[in-house]
Amino acid sequence: MLRRVVYIAVIAALGWGCGHESAATQQIRSAASVDLACDASMIEFVDDQPMRKRVSGCGRTLTYMYKCNAAAGGGQSCRWKPVRDDSNKL
């Protein structure tokens, strides 16, 4: 019984540490999959700065920036948005 509990604890610890991505990384990977018409597993981060992420996938690249806009009620609505300019090879 103790062996089984240890085995489950080890598997849980490995699952938590391996393959864990931040919310920002998950959001960008999902958006880039759509924007680049490329499977999410093929998306690679080539430049990873706090407010700017550059991704590559399926032979194309795209930069995302974290931008905030005023929201109703005085708050802000923030999200990762693609930068559409000449530096992106879409």
C-alpha atoms as a PDB file:
ATOM      1  CA  MET A   1       0.000   0.000   0.000  1.00  0.00           C
ATOM      2  CA  LEU A   2       2.786   2.443   0.915  1.00  0.00           C
ATOM      3  CA  ARG A   3       4.580   1.630  -2.342  1.00  0.00           C
ATOM      4  CA  ARG A   4       1.412   2.509  -4.281  1.00  0.00           C
ATOM      5  CA  VAL A   5       1.058   5.860  -2.469  1.00  0.00           C
ATOM      6  CA  VAL A   6       4.703   6.728  -3.198  1.00  0.00           C
ATOM      7  CA  TYR A   7       4.271   5.722  -6.847  1.00  0.00           C
ATOM      8  CA  ILE A   8       1.203   7.963  -7.229  1.00  0.00           C
ATOM      9  CA  ALA A   9       3.003  10.870  -5.524  1.00  0.00           C
ATOM     10  CA  VAL A  10       6.004  10.531  -7.861  1.00  0.00           C
ATOM     11  CA  ILE A  11       3.796  10.412 -10.966  1.00  0.00           C
ATOM     12  CA  ALA A  12       1.854  13.472  -9.779  1.00  0.00           C
ATOM     13  CA  ALA A  13       5.070  15.410  -9.089  1.00  0.00           C
ATOM     14  CA  LEU A  14       6.472  14.564 -12.527  1.00  0.00           C
ATOM     15  CA  GLY A  15       3.241  15.548 -14.206  1.00  0.00           C
ATOM     16  CA  TRP A  16       3.166  18.887 -12.418  1.00  0.00           C
ATOM     17  CA  GLY A  17       6.785  19.795 -13.267  1.00  0.00           C
ATOM     18  CA  CYS A  18       6.989  18.541 -16.824  1.00  0.00           C
ATOM     19  CA  GLY A  19       5.206  20.296 -19.618  1.00  0.00           C
ATOM     20  CA  HIS A  20       3.780  23.009 -17.383  1.00  0.00           C
ATOM     21  CA  GLU A  21       3.359  26.265 -19.325  1.00  0.00           C
ATOM     22  CA  SER A  22       2.434  29.666 -17.996  1.00  0.00           C
ATOM     23  CA  ALA A  23      -0.992  31.085 -18.839  1.00  0.00           C
ATOM     24  CA  ALA A  24       0.652  33.630 -21.169  1.00  0.00           C
ATOM     25  CA  THR A  25       2.519  30.902 -23.040  1.00  0.00           C
ATOM     26  CA  GLN A  26      -0.671  28.861 -23.416  1.00  0.00           C
ATOM     27  CA  GLN A  27      -2.632  31.886 -24.654  1.00  0.00           C
ATOM     28  CA  ILE A  28       0.023  32.848 -27.195  1.00  0.00           C
ATOM     29  CA  ARG A  29       0.539  29.275 -28.405  1.00  0.00           C
ATOM     30  CA  SER A  30      -3.219  28.912 -28.951  1.00  0.00           C
ATOM     31  CA  ALA A  31      -3.538  32.261 -30.748  1.00  0.00           C
ATOM     32  CA  ALA A  32      -0.442  31.611 -32.885  1.00  0.00           C
ATOM     33  CA  SER A  33      -1.826  28.237 -33.892  1.00  0.00           C
ATOM     34  CA  VAL A  34      -4.831  30.013 -35.419  1.00  0.00           C
ATOM     35  CA  ASP A  35      -2.973  33.068 -36.749  1.00  0.00           C
ATOM     36  CA  LEU A  36      -0.213  31.003 -38.390  1.00  0.00           C
ATOM     37  CA  ALA A  37      -2.536  28.149 -39.449  1.00  0.00           C
ATOM     38  CA  CYS A  38      -0.158  25.755 -37.717  1.00  0.00           C
ATOM     39  CA  ASP A  39      -0.625  23.002 -35.140  1.00  0.00           C
ATOM     40  CA  ALA A  40       0.012  24.290 -31.602  1.00  0.00           C
ATOM     41  CA  SER A  41       2.677  21.618 -31.071  1.00  0.00           C
ATOM     42  CA  MET A  42       4.698  23.192 -33.909  1.00  0.00           C
ATOM     43  CA  ILE A  43       4.750  26.695 -32.368  1.00  0.00           C
ATOM     44  CA  GLU A  44       8.168  27.674 -30.971  1.00  0.00           C
ATOM     45  CA  PHE A  45       9.079  30.753 -28.957  1.00  0.00           C
ATOM     46  CA  VAL A  46      12.084  32.415 -30.612  1.00  0.00           C
ATOM     47  CA  ASP A  47      12.155  35.593 -28.499  1.00  0.00           C
ATOM     48  CA  ASP A  48      10.590  35.637 -25.062  1.00  0.00           C
ATOM     49  CA  GLN A  49      10.510  39.013 -23.336  1.00  0.00           C
ATOM     50  CA  PRO A  50       8.100  40.033 -20.557  1.00  0.00           C
ATOM     51  CA  MET A  51       5.676  42.036 -22.715  1.00  0.00           C
ATOM     52  CA  ARG A  52       6.708  40.831 -26.167  1.00  0.00           C
ATOM     53  CA  LYS A  53       6.838  37.266 -27.501  1.00  0.00           C
ATOM     54  CA  ARG A  54       8.007  36.207 -30.971  1.00  0.00           C
ATOM     55  CA  VAL A  55       6.849  32.826 -32.190  1.00  0.00           C
ATOM     56  CA  SER A  56       7.600  30.698 -35.207  1.00  0.00           C
ATOM     57  CA  GLY A  57       5.687  27.849 -36.774  1.00  0.00           C
ATOM     58  CA  CYS A  58       5.172  26.236 -40.165  1.00  0.00           C
ATOM     59  CA  GLY A  59       7.737  28.518 -41.822  1.00  0.00           C
ATOM     60  CA  ARG A  60       6.247  31.787 -40.579  1.00  0.00           C
ATOM     61  CA  THR A  61       6.843  34.117 -37.643  1.00  0.00           C
ATOM     62  CA  LEU A  62       4.669  36.467 -35.651  1.00  0.00           C
ATOM     63  CA  THR A  63       5.218  38.852 -32.737  1.00  0.00           C
ATOM     64  CA  TYR A  64       2.705  39.260 -29.911  1.00  0.00           C
ATOM     65  CA  MET A  65       2.605  42.183 -27.499  1.00  0.00           C
ATOM     66  CA  TYR A  66       0.662  42.517 -24.269  1.00  0.00           C
ATOM     67  CA  LYS A  67      -1.657  45.479 -24.718  1.00  0.00           C
ATOM     68  CA  CYS A  68      -4.279  47.045 -22.489  1.00  0.00           C
ATOM     69  CA  ASN A  69      -7.331  49.072 -23.459  1.00  0.00           C
ATOM     70  CA  ALA A  70      -9.724  51.019 -21.268  1.00  0.00           C
ATOM     71  CA  ALA A  71     -12.736  48.969 -20.252  1.00  0.00           C
ATOM     72  CA  ALA A  72     -16.182  49.978 -19.141  1.00  0.00           C
ATOM     73  CA  GLY A  73     -16.304  50.960 -15.492  1.00  0.00           C
ATOM     74  CA  GLY A  74     -12.808  52.464 -15.453  1.00  0.00           C
ATOM     75  CA  GLY A  75     -10.828  49.230 -15.574  1.00  0.00           C
ATOM     76  CA  GLN A  76      -8.575  47.818 -18.241  1.00  0.00           C
ATOM     77  CA  SER A  77      -8.878  44.904 -20.618  1.00  0.00           C
ATOM     78  CA  CYS A  78      -5.464  43.380 -21.310  1.00  0.00           C
ATOM     79  CA  ARG A  79      -4.529  40.596 -23.697  1.00  0.00           C
ATOM     80  CA  TRP A  80      -1.854  39.349 -26.058  1.00  0.00           C
ATOM     81  CA  LYS A  81      -2.317  40.795 -29.548  1.00  0.00           C
ATOM     82  CA  PRO A  82      -0.402  40.069 -32.755  1.00  0.00           C
ATOM     83  CA  VAL A  83       1.697  42.891 -34.192  1.00  0.00           C
ATOM     84  CA  ARG A  84       0.935  43.327 -37.872  1.00  0.00           C
ATOM     85  CA  ASP A  85       3.973  44.955 -39.498  1.00  0.00           C
ATOM     86  CA  ASP A  86       6.813  44.291 -41.942  1.00  0.00           C
ATOM     87  CA  SER A  87       8.864  42.387 -39.341  1.00  0.00           C
ATOM     88  CA  ASN A  88       6.285  39.584 -39.363  1.00  0.00           C
ATOM     89  CA  LYS A  89       6.494  37.153 -42.238  1.00  0.00           C
ATOM     90  CA  LEU A  90       2.889  36.077 -42.634  1.00  0.00           C
END
